[in-house]
Amino acid sequence: MKRFAVVCLLVLCVLPALSWDFCQENEDGVMLYYNRYEDEDACEVALCKGAKYICDTLRIPESVILKAERDNGDPDTLLNVVGVEDYAFACIEHGRTGEPIYNAACKFKVAVFPYGLGYLGCGAFKGCRDLTDIVWPENTEWFFSFGEDVFWDTKIRFLKIPKTTEALPDNCFEDCNFDSVVFEEGNTHLTTIPKACFKDCKFLSGVKFCSSITVIDDRAFENCISLSDINFPPKLQSIGARAFYYCQQLNSPRLPYGLKYIKDYAFYWHKRWTNFEIPATVTDIGEYAFCSRVRIDAGVGVDYNSYLWINNLYVNRVMPPYCVSTKSLGDDPYNYDVRKHLPEIYDVRLIVPIGAHDLYLTTFPWNRFAEHMVSARRVINIEAGIDGVKVDGSQDEESIFSLDGRQIDFKQKGVNIVRHKDGTARKVLVK
């Protein structure tokens, strides 16, 4: 009931409040300002124009005591602190669209959140340029919402998304200075990384997703030029348009089995990849989905085209994935021998499942690959199932595969698929 009431009140608090109900010093003697919820024994930290927070650590208390009017004989009221209002600690003169924002003098480096915190409003710490760390309680009980631009222009480098988080707004952490983001495991609500969520986070190098994520939406990590370490969630089904556009340090990402859609420009403008593997579950590939913008010296001037900047492209699906256009596989490559662009792809090797060789050579636009550049390999069909034959020892192991059907030389940490010489297969867990 408490969560429902706070959610309703949060929805109503779209614009910054122009006043506060009461103020009170925290345990460090720092004055904080609050708005009370009339129908709940709860309050939120409020915006106070011109307030000063001169301290190394800002501690938001678990609760505050609202003193009653003694003349009326009313008792004091204990109020739980459940949120931080929009722009409560904002330190900027203008918002994203030019609207004025109320200034505060915020010099704290660390913000400590209470156990019962439920949400951080839009721009709550926007422009707090000294803020480097946020401290969550050991077990966050019901935090569920970040507001847009909540940490914009701060110095926070590590961000943890609590497992109780239910949703993130579009552009939530755009242009922040994080270098590492971890989604706490155990989340059962958060399924989507929304549009432009981490766009322009130029220092972000690593992301660890929780397993509940099924969609990475359009432009989610666009222009994250330092992003190199990322573990895609196992239930991921869709990678949106321009999701990893211009992520030039992302080297040949390993896509999970179960992924279905790779949309327009999803991995566009990456550095050259030696190998790139498309799981057997991928059915649709967008325009320039994993191409790169390449500088070509054509002899008569410099040209820029979008090519498959990959040495070896592995496609594990027997039926060729649908491509929205010929541009899904890039522009016509420049042939230096004849000094012109030709539609035939002759500089990327395509490796497909055994038995699918001729199908790819006769299916548009996969038939753009030169015949001598198409070869086949054995791929485990995960959908066919793995039987549970128990085999002692490893002397009859014929080959080892990862869960997405990729053949590997030795067992890796986690679940492996082992095929035996008698044709049976089983899953093997390596701890």
Protein backbone atom coordinates (compact mmCIF):
# COMPACT_ATOMS: atom_id res chain seq x y z
CA MET A 1 0.00 0.00 0.00
CA LYS A 2 2.85 2.36 0.86
CA ARG A 3 4.58 1.70 -2.46
CA PHE A 4 1.37 2.31 -4.42
CA ALA A 5 0.76 5.61 -2.67
CA VAL A 6 4.31 6.83 -3.23
CA VAL A 7 4.22 5.83 -6.91
CA CYS A 8 1.02 7.83 -7.39
CA LEU A 9 2.53 10.83 -5.65
CA LEU A 10 5.73 10.55 -7.68
CA VAL A 11 3.79 10.63 -10.93
CA LEU A 12 2.10 13.84 -9.82
CA CYS A 13 5.41 15.51 -8.96
CA VAL A 14 6.50 16.23 -12.52
CA LEU A 15 7.69 19.82 -12.06
CA PRO A 16 10.08 21.08 -9.38
CA ALA A 17 8.29 22.23 -6.25
CA LEU A 18 8.60 25.91 -5.49
CA SER A 19 8.37 25.51 -1.72
CA TRP A 20 9.02 23.11 1.12
CA ASP A 21 6.96 22.17 4.15
CA PHE A 22 9.59 21.99 6.88
CA CYS A 23 13.33 21.74 7.44
CA GLN A 24 15.52 19.84 9.87
CA GLU A 25 19.22 19.23 10.45
CA ASN A 26 20.60 15.75 9.81
CA GLU A 27 22.99 13.97 12.17
CA ASP A 28 25.92 16.03 10.83
CA GLY A 29 24.17 19.33 11.39
CA VAL A 30 23.39 19.91 7.71
CA MET A 31 20.00 21.51 7.13
CA LEU A 32 17.73 19.53 4.80
CA TYR A 33 14.32 20.53 3.47
CA TYR A 34 11.28 18.28 3.17
CA ASN A 35 7.82 18.02 1.67
CA ARG A 36 5.34 15.85 3.53
CA TYR A 37 2.80 13.46 2.07
CA GLU A 38 -0.44 14.32 3.87
CA ASP A 39 -1.98 10.84 3.64
CA GLU A 40 1.19 8.94 4.48
CA ASP A 41 3.68 8.94 7.31
CA ALA A 42 6.33 9.79 4.76
CA CYS A 43 8.19 12.70 3.22
CA GLU A 44 10.70 13.50 0.48
CA VAL A 45 13.79 15.67 0.44
CA ALA A 46 12.64 18.90 -1.22
CA LEU A 47 14.09 21.59 -3.42
CA CYS A 48 15.05 24.78 -1.62
CA LYS A 49 16.24 27.65 -3.78
CA GLY A 50 19.63 28.92 -2.68
CA ALA A 51 20.22 26.23 -0.06
CA LYS A 52 23.82 25.46 0.91
CA TYR A 53 25.14 21.96 1.52
CA ILE A 54 28.74 22.53 2.58
CA CYS A 55 30.00 19.15 3.78
CA ASP A 56 32.12 16.21 2.64
CA THR A 57 29.30 13.67 3.09
CA LEU A 58 25.60 14.28 2.62
CA ARG A 59 23.58 11.84 4.72
CA ILE A 60 19.89 11.51 3.96
CA PRO A 61 18.26 10.20 7.15
CA GLU A 62 15.99 7.18 7.40
CA SER A 63 13.31 9.27 9.10
CA VAL A 64 12.63 12.67 10.59
CA ILE A 65 10.40 13.82 13.45
CA LEU A 66 7.92 16.52 12.57
CA LYS A 67 7.28 18.60 15.69
CA ALA A 68 3.62 19.20 16.44
CA GLU A 69 1.98 22.47 17.38
CA ARG A 70 2.15 22.41 21.17
CA ASP A 71 -0.82 24.72 21.52
CA ASN A 72 -3.07 22.10 19.89
CA GLY A 73 -1.78 19.25 21.99
CA ASP A 74 -0.97 17.15 18.90
CA PRO A 75 1.79 14.50 19.16
CA ASP A 76 5.02 14.63 17.16
CA THR A 77 4.98 12.65 13.91
CA LEU A 78 7.65 10.21 12.70
CA LEU A 79 8.02 10.48 8.92
CA ASN A 80 9.95 8.00 6.79
CA VAL A 81 12.14 9.59 4.09
CA VAL A 82 11.11 7.79 0.88
CA GLY A 83 12.49 9.91 -1.93
CA VAL A 84 14.43 12.87 -3.28
CA GLU A 85 12.38 15.45 -5.17
CA ASP A 86 13.10 16.64 -8.72
CA TYR A 87 16.15 18.96 -8.78
CA ALA A 88 16.46 18.86 -4.97
CA PHE A 89 20.25 19.34 -5.09
CA ALA A 90 20.54 20.73 -8.65
CA CYS A 91 23.49 23.06 -9.17
CA ILE A 92 22.88 24.41 -12.67
CA GLU A 93 21.39 27.55 -14.13
CA HIS A 94 19.54 26.02 -17.06
CA GLY A 95 18.03 22.66 -17.92
CA ARG A 96 18.35 20.61 -21.09
CA THR A 97 15.80 22.74 -22.95
CA GLY A 98 16.90 26.08 -21.52
CA GLU A 99 14.40 26.38 -18.68
CA PRO A 100 15.75 27.99 -15.48
CA ILE A 101 16.72 25.68 -12.63
CA TYR A 102 17.06 26.76 -9.01
CA ASN A 103 20.64 26.82 -7.79
CA ALA A 104 22.02 25.31 -4.63
CA ALA A 105 25.58 25.33 -3.27
CA CYS A 106 26.52 21.63 -3.11
CA LYS A 107 30.07 20.83 -2.06
CA PHE A 108 29.59 17.26 -0.84
CA LYS A 109 31.63 14.41 -2.34
CA VAL A 110 29.59 11.46 -1.03
CA ALA A 111 25.83 10.98 -0.81
CA VAL A 112 24.57 8.31 1.61
CA PHE A 113 21.07 6.98 0.96
CA PRO A 114 18.65 5.58 3.58
CA TYR A 115 17.31 2.04 3.66
CA GLY A 116 13.74 3.08 2.83
CA LEU A 117 14.59 5.26 -0.19
CA GLY A 118 12.18 4.59 -3.05
CA TYR A 119 13.15 7.02 -5.82
CA LEU A 120 15.47 9.79 -7.00
CA GLY A 121 13.66 12.50 -8.96
CA CYS A 122 14.64 14.09 -12.26
CA GLY A 123 17.90 16.02 -11.96
CA ALA A 124 18.06 15.31 -8.23
CA PHE A 125 21.88 15.64 -8.14
CA LYS A 126 22.30 17.34 -11.51
CA GLY A 127 25.41 19.51 -11.64
CA CYS A 128 26.84 18.42 -8.27
CA ARG A 129 30.35 18.58 -9.66
CA ASP A 130 32.10 17.46 -6.46
CA LEU A 131 29.98 14.31 -6.06
CA THR A 132 32.14 11.22 -6.63
CA ASP A 133 30.37 8.41 -4.74
CA ILE A 134 26.91 7.29 -3.74
CA VAL A 135 26.45 4.81 -0.89
CA TRP A 136 23.48 2.46 -0.91
CA PRO A 137 22.32 0.58 2.21
CA GLU A 138 23.51 -3.00 2.42
CA ASN A 139 20.14 -4.37 1.34
CA THR A 140 17.98 -1.92 -0.57
CA GLU A 141 14.41 -2.92 0.21
CA TRP A 142 12.29 -1.18 -2.41
CA PHE A 143 14.14 1.45 -4.43
CA PHE A 144 12.40 1.45 -7.80
CA SER A 145 12.99 4.62 -9.83
CA PHE A 146 15.71 6.91 -11.15
CA GLY A 147 14.69 10.21 -12.73
CA GLU A 148 16.11 11.59 -15.98
CA ASP A 149 19.46 13.40 -15.67
CA VAL A 150 19.68 12.37 -12.02
CA PHE A 151 23.52 12.29 -12.00
CA TRP A 152 24.29 14.57 -14.96
CA ASP A 153 27.57 16.51 -14.64
CA THR A 154 28.72 14.75 -11.48
CA LYS A 155 32.02 12.91 -10.96
CA ILE A 156 30.44 9.57 -10.08
CA ARG A 157 32.45 6.83 -11.78
CA PHE A 158 30.81 3.66 -10.47
CA LEU A 159 27.05 3.14 -10.64
CA LYS A 160 25.11 0.25 -9.14
CA ILE A 161 21.52 -0.27 -10.25
CA PRO A 162 19.71 -1.91 -7.28
CA LYS A 163 17.93 -5.20 -7.91
CA THR A 164 14.60 -3.65 -6.90
CA THR A 165 14.69 -1.08 -9.73
CA GLU A 166 11.55 -1.47 -11.82
CA ALA A 167 12.22 0.81 -14.80
CA LEU A 168 14.55 3.46 -16.16
CA PRO A 169 13.36 6.50 -18.13
CA ASP A 170 14.68 7.40 -21.59
CA ASN A 171 17.94 9.39 -21.46
CA CYS A 172 18.25 8.47 -17.79
CA PHE A 173 22.07 8.57 -17.52
CA GLU A 174 22.90 10.33 -20.78
CA ASP A 175 26.25 12.14 -20.84
CA CYS A 176 27.28 10.95 -17.37
CA ASN A 177 30.88 10.30 -16.33
CA PHE A 178 30.58 6.66 -15.23
CA ASP A 179 33.37 4.27 -16.14
CA SER A 180 31.61 1.17 -14.78
CA VAL A 181 27.94 0.18 -14.41
CA VAL A 182 26.67 -2.93 -12.62
CA PHE A 183 23.04 -4.05 -12.61
CA GLU A 184 22.58 -5.91 -9.35
CA GLU A 185 21.60 -9.53 -9.94
CA GLY A 186 18.26 -10.82 -8.74
CA ASN A 187 16.14 -8.18 -10.48
CA THR A 188 12.78 -9.55 -11.70
CA HIS A 189 11.26 -6.26 -12.90
CA LEU A 190 13.77 -4.50 -15.13
CA THR A 191 13.58 -5.89 -18.66
CA THR A 192 14.59 -2.96 -20.89
CA ILE A 193 17.56 -0.65 -21.21
CA PRO A 194 15.58 2.32 -22.59
CA LYS A 195 16.30 4.74 -25.42
CA ALA A 196 19.54 6.73 -25.05
CA CYS A 197 19.89 5.52 -21.45
CA PHE A 198 23.71 5.71 -21.44
CA LYS A 199 24.18 7.74 -24.63
CA ASP A 200 27.37 9.82 -24.72
CA CYS A 201 28.86 8.27 -21.57
CA LYS A 202 32.33 8.68 -23.05
CA PHE A 203 34.23 7.21 -20.08
CA LEU A 204 32.07 4.11 -19.70
CA SER A 205 34.28 1.06 -20.26
CA GLY A 206 32.37 -1.80 -18.65
CA VAL A 207 28.75 -2.85 -18.14
CA LYS A 208 27.47 -5.89 -16.25
CA PHE A 209 23.79 -6.56 -16.95
CA CYS A 210 21.35 -8.45 -14.76
CA SER A 211 19.80 -11.54 -16.35
CA SER A 212 16.28 -10.05 -16.56
CA ILE A 213 17.17 -7.72 -19.45
CA THR A 214 15.53 -8.76 -22.74
CA VAL A 215 15.73 -5.51 -24.75
CA ILE A 216 18.50 -2.98 -25.32
CA ASP A 217 16.57 -0.14 -26.94
CA ASP A 218 17.53 2.39 -29.61
CA ARG A 219 20.69 4.45 -28.99
CA ALA A 220 21.07 2.98 -25.50
CA PHE A 221 24.90 3.13 -25.58
CA GLU A 222 25.44 5.37 -28.60
CA ASN A 223 28.80 7.15 -28.64
CA CYS A 224 30.17 5.30 -25.60
CA ILE A 225 33.59 5.47 -27.18
CA SER A 226 35.42 3.70 -24.30
CA LEU A 227 33.02 0.76 -23.96
CA SER A 228 35.00 -2.46 -24.27
CA ASP A 229 33.89 -4.87 -21.53
CA ILE A 230 30.26 -5.97 -21.73
CA ASN A 231 28.48 -9.20 -20.87
CA PHE A 232 25.20 -9.44 -22.75
CA PRO A 233 22.36 -10.84 -20.63
CA PRO A 234 21.38 -14.45 -21.46
CA LYS A 235 17.70 -13.58 -22.10
CA LEU A 236 18.43 -10.73 -24.51
CA GLN A 237 16.11 -10.81 -27.54
CA SER A 238 16.55 -7.44 -29.26
CA ILE A 239 19.32 -4.91 -29.85
CA GLY A 240 17.85 -1.59 -30.98
CA ALA A 241 18.80 0.83 -33.74
CA ARG A 242 22.12 2.57 -33.09
CA ALA A 243 22.29 0.84 -29.70
CA PHE A 244 26.11 0.61 -29.86
CA TYR A 245 26.73 3.20 -32.57
CA TYR A 246 30.32 4.49 -32.53
CA CYS A 247 31.42 2.23 -29.68
CA GLN A 248 34.86 1.96 -31.21
CA GLN A 249 36.50 0.00 -28.40
CA LEU A 250 33.87 -2.76 -28.44
CA ASN A 251 35.80 -5.64 -29.92
CA SER A 252 33.73 -8.41 -31.53
CA PRO A 253 31.00 -8.72 -28.85
CA ARG A 254 29.74 -12.21 -28.00
CA LEU A 255 26.00 -12.25 -28.61
CA PRO A 256 23.80 -14.60 -26.55
CA TYR A 257 21.84 -17.52 -27.93
CA GLY A 258 18.20 -16.41 -27.95
CA LEU A 259 18.83 -13.03 -29.57
CA LYS A 260 16.33 -12.43 -32.41
CA TYR A 261 16.71 -8.88 -33.70
CA ILE A 262 19.74 -6.75 -34.56
CA LYS A 263 18.32 -3.45 -35.78
CA ASP A 264 19.62 -0.66 -38.04
CA TYR A 265 23.15 0.57 -37.27
CA ALA A 266 23.20 -1.48 -34.03
CA PHE A 267 27.01 -1.86 -33.98
CA TYR A 268 27.87 0.71 -36.61
CA TRP A 269 31.32 2.33 -36.81
CA HIS A 270 33.36 -0.18 -34.82
CA LYS A 271 37.04 -0.91 -35.26
CA ARG A 272 37.96 -3.87 -37.47
CA TRP A 273 36.87 -7.20 -36.00
CA THR A 274 38.75 -10.42 -36.66
CA ASN A 275 35.71 -12.60 -35.95
CA PHE A 276 32.03 -11.87 -35.39
CA GLU A 277 29.42 -14.53 -34.68
CA ILE A 278 25.65 -14.30 -35.19
CA PRO A 279 23.69 -16.83 -33.08
CA ALA A 280 21.33 -19.30 -34.74
CA THR A 281 18.32 -17.57 -33.16
CA VAL A 282 18.80 -14.25 -35.00
CA THR A 283 16.01 -13.84 -37.57
CA ASP A 284 16.21 -10.16 -38.57
CA ILE A 285 19.18 -7.92 -39.35
CA GLY A 286 18.79 -4.19 -39.95
CA GLU A 287 20.55 -1.80 -42.29
CA TYR A 288 24.31 -1.48 -41.67
CA ALA A 289 23.72 -3.41 -38.43
CA PHE A 290 27.34 -4.43 -37.89
CA CYS A 291 29.11 -2.38 -40.54
CA SER A 292 31.72 0.29 -40.05
CA ARG A 293 32.49 3.61 -41.71
CA VAL A 294 35.73 3.05 -43.58
CA ARG A 295 38.05 5.50 -45.32
CA ILE A 296 38.87 4.34 -48.83
CA ASP A 297 41.59 5.89 -50.98
CA ALA A 298 40.20 5.22 -54.46
CA GLY A 299 43.14 6.80 -56.26
CA VAL A 300 41.10 9.77 -57.42
CA GLY A 301 40.22 11.03 -53.96
CA VAL A 302 39.20 9.89 -50.50
CA ASP A 303 35.88 8.07 -50.16
CA TYR A 304 33.98 6.96 -47.05
CA ASN A 305 31.73 3.93 -47.25
CA SER A 306 30.02 1.55 -44.85
CA TYR A 307 31.51 -1.93 -45.07
CA LEU A 308 31.51 -5.23 -43.23
CA TRP A 309 34.74 -4.40 -41.42
CA ILE A 310 35.12 -8.03 -40.34
CA ASN A 311 37.58 -10.73 -41.38
CA ASN A 312 35.43 -13.77 -40.56
CA LEU A 313 31.63 -13.58 -40.22
CA TYR A 314 30.08 -16.67 -38.59
CA VAL A 315 26.33 -17.13 -39.08
CA ASN A 316 24.95 -20.12 -37.15
CA ARG A 317 21.43 -20.15 -38.58
CA VAL A 318 20.67 -22.74 -41.28
CA MET A 319 17.97 -20.54 -42.81
CA PRO A 320 19.67 -17.23 -43.70
CA PRO A 321 18.48 -14.38 -41.42
CA TYR A 322 16.20 -11.83 -43.07
CA CYS A 323 17.99 -8.59 -44.01
CA VAL A 324 16.00 -5.39 -44.46
CA SER A 325 18.07 -4.46 -47.53
CA THR A 326 21.29 -5.13 -49.35
CA LYS A 327 22.76 -2.44 -47.08
CA SER A 328 22.47 -4.83 -44.14
CA LEU A 329 25.72 -6.27 -45.45
CA GLY A 330 27.23 -2.90 -46.28
CA ASP A 331 27.95 -0.82 -49.37
CA ASP A 332 29.57 -2.24 -52.46
CA PRO A 333 33.25 -2.79 -51.63
CA TYR A 334 35.91 -0.99 -53.64
CA ASN A 335 37.91 -3.32 -55.84
CA TYR A 336 41.40 -1.93 -56.32
CA ASP A 337 42.14 -4.28 -59.25
CA VAL A 338 39.45 -2.77 -61.45
CA ARG A 339 39.34 0.59 -59.57
CA LYS A 340 35.61 0.67 -58.94
CA HIS A 341 32.92 -0.48 -56.52
CA LEU A 342 31.54 -3.97 -57.11
CA PRO A 343 28.44 -5.51 -55.46
CA GLU A 344 30.25 -8.78 -54.72
CA ILE A 345 31.72 -9.08 -51.21
CA TYR A 346 35.13 -10.60 -51.74
CA ASP A 347 37.06 -9.41 -48.64
CA VAL A 348 34.98 -11.04 -45.85
CA ARG A 349 34.86 -14.76 -45.25
CA LEU A 350 31.34 -16.08 -44.48
CA ILE A 351 31.16 -19.28 -42.41
CA VAL A 352 27.75 -20.99 -42.24
CA PRO A 353 26.41 -24.33 -40.90
CA ILE A 354 27.08 -27.53 -42.82
CA GLY A 355 24.28 -28.06 -45.31
CA ALA A 356 23.48 -24.35 -45.63
CA HIS A 357 26.27 -23.41 -48.04
CA ASP A 358 24.15 -23.41 -51.22
CA LEU A 359 21.19 -21.79 -49.45
CA TYR A 360 23.26 -18.73 -48.53
CA LEU A 361 24.68 -18.48 -52.05
CA THR A 362 21.15 -18.31 -53.50
CA THR A 363 19.42 -16.09 -50.88
CA PHE A 364 19.42 -12.29 -51.20
CA PRO A 365 21.44 -10.42 -50.02
CA TRP A 366 23.69 -13.21 -48.71
CA ASN A 367 24.41 -14.11 -52.33
CA ARG A 368 26.55 -10.98 -52.48
CA PHE A 369 29.41 -13.00 -50.97
CA ALA A 370 31.81 -14.41 -53.53
CA GLU A 371 31.41 -18.18 -53.73
CA HIS A 372 35.02 -18.84 -52.80
CA MET A 373 34.53 -16.75 -49.62
CA VAL A 374 31.70 -18.97 -48.28
CA SER A 375 32.55 -22.07 -46.25
CA ALA A 376 30.78 -24.34 -43.77
CA ARG A 377 31.40 -25.76 -40.29
CA ARG A 378 29.57 -27.97 -37.84
CA VAL A 379 27.25 -26.07 -35.49
CA ILE A 380 25.42 -27.61 -32.52
CA ASN A 381 21.65 -27.21 -32.85
CA ILE A 382 20.69 -26.14 -29.35
CA GLU A 383 16.99 -26.22 -30.18
CA ALA A 384 17.19 -29.94 -30.88
CA GLY A 385 18.00 -30.55 -27.21
CA ILE A 386 20.89 -32.13 -25.35
CA ASP A 387 20.53 -35.61 -23.93
CA GLY A 388 21.80 -36.51 -20.51
CA VAL A 389 24.16 -39.41 -21.28
CA LYS A 390 26.69 -39.73 -18.49
CA VAL A 391 30.21 -40.50 -19.59
CA ASP A 392 33.10 -41.16 -17.25
CA GLY A 393 36.34 -39.53 -18.26
CA SER A 394 36.97 -37.46 -21.37
CA GLN A 395 38.66 -39.97 -23.63
CA ASP A 396 35.66 -40.18 -25.99
CA GLU A 397 35.04 -36.44 -26.28
CA GLU A 398 35.00 -35.45 -29.92
CA SER A 399 34.36 -31.69 -29.69
CA ILE A 400 33.38 -28.91 -27.29
CA PHE A 401 30.93 -26.08 -27.93
CA SER A 402 29.79 -22.96 -26.10
CA LEU A 403 26.07 -22.54 -25.36
CA ASP A 404 25.58 -20.45 -28.50
CA GLY A 405 26.88 -23.30 -30.68
CA ARG A 406 30.42 -22.01 -31.23
CA GLN A 407 33.11 -24.67 -31.29
CA ILE A 408 35.89 -24.02 -28.77
CA ASP A 409 39.22 -25.71 -28.07
CA PHE A 410 38.74 -26.39 -24.35
CA LYS A 411 36.08 -26.21 -21.66
CA GLN A 412 35.46 -22.73 -20.38
CA LYS A 413 34.11 -21.55 -17.03
CA GLY A 414 30.35 -22.03 -16.95
CA VAL A 415 28.21 -24.40 -19.03
CA ASN A 416 29.80 -26.20 -21.99
CA ILE A 417 28.31 -28.65 -24.48
CA VAL A 418 30.39 -31.76 -25.09
CA ARG A 419 29.76 -33.97 -28.12
CA HIS A 420 31.03 -37.55 -27.87
CA LYS A 421 32.26 -39.88 -30.58
CA ASP A 422 29.06 -41.93 -30.40
CA GLY A 423 27.03 -38.84 -31.43
CA THR A 424 25.55 -38.09 -27.99
CA ALA A 425 26.01 -34.76 -26.26
CA ARG A 426 25.72 -33.47 -22.72
CA LYS A 427 26.06 -30.25 -20.78
CA VAL A 428 29.12 -29.92 -18.56
CA LEU A 429 29.45 -27.28 -15.85
CA VAL A 430 32.92 -25.96 -15.13
CA LYS A 431 33.17 -23.97 -11.88
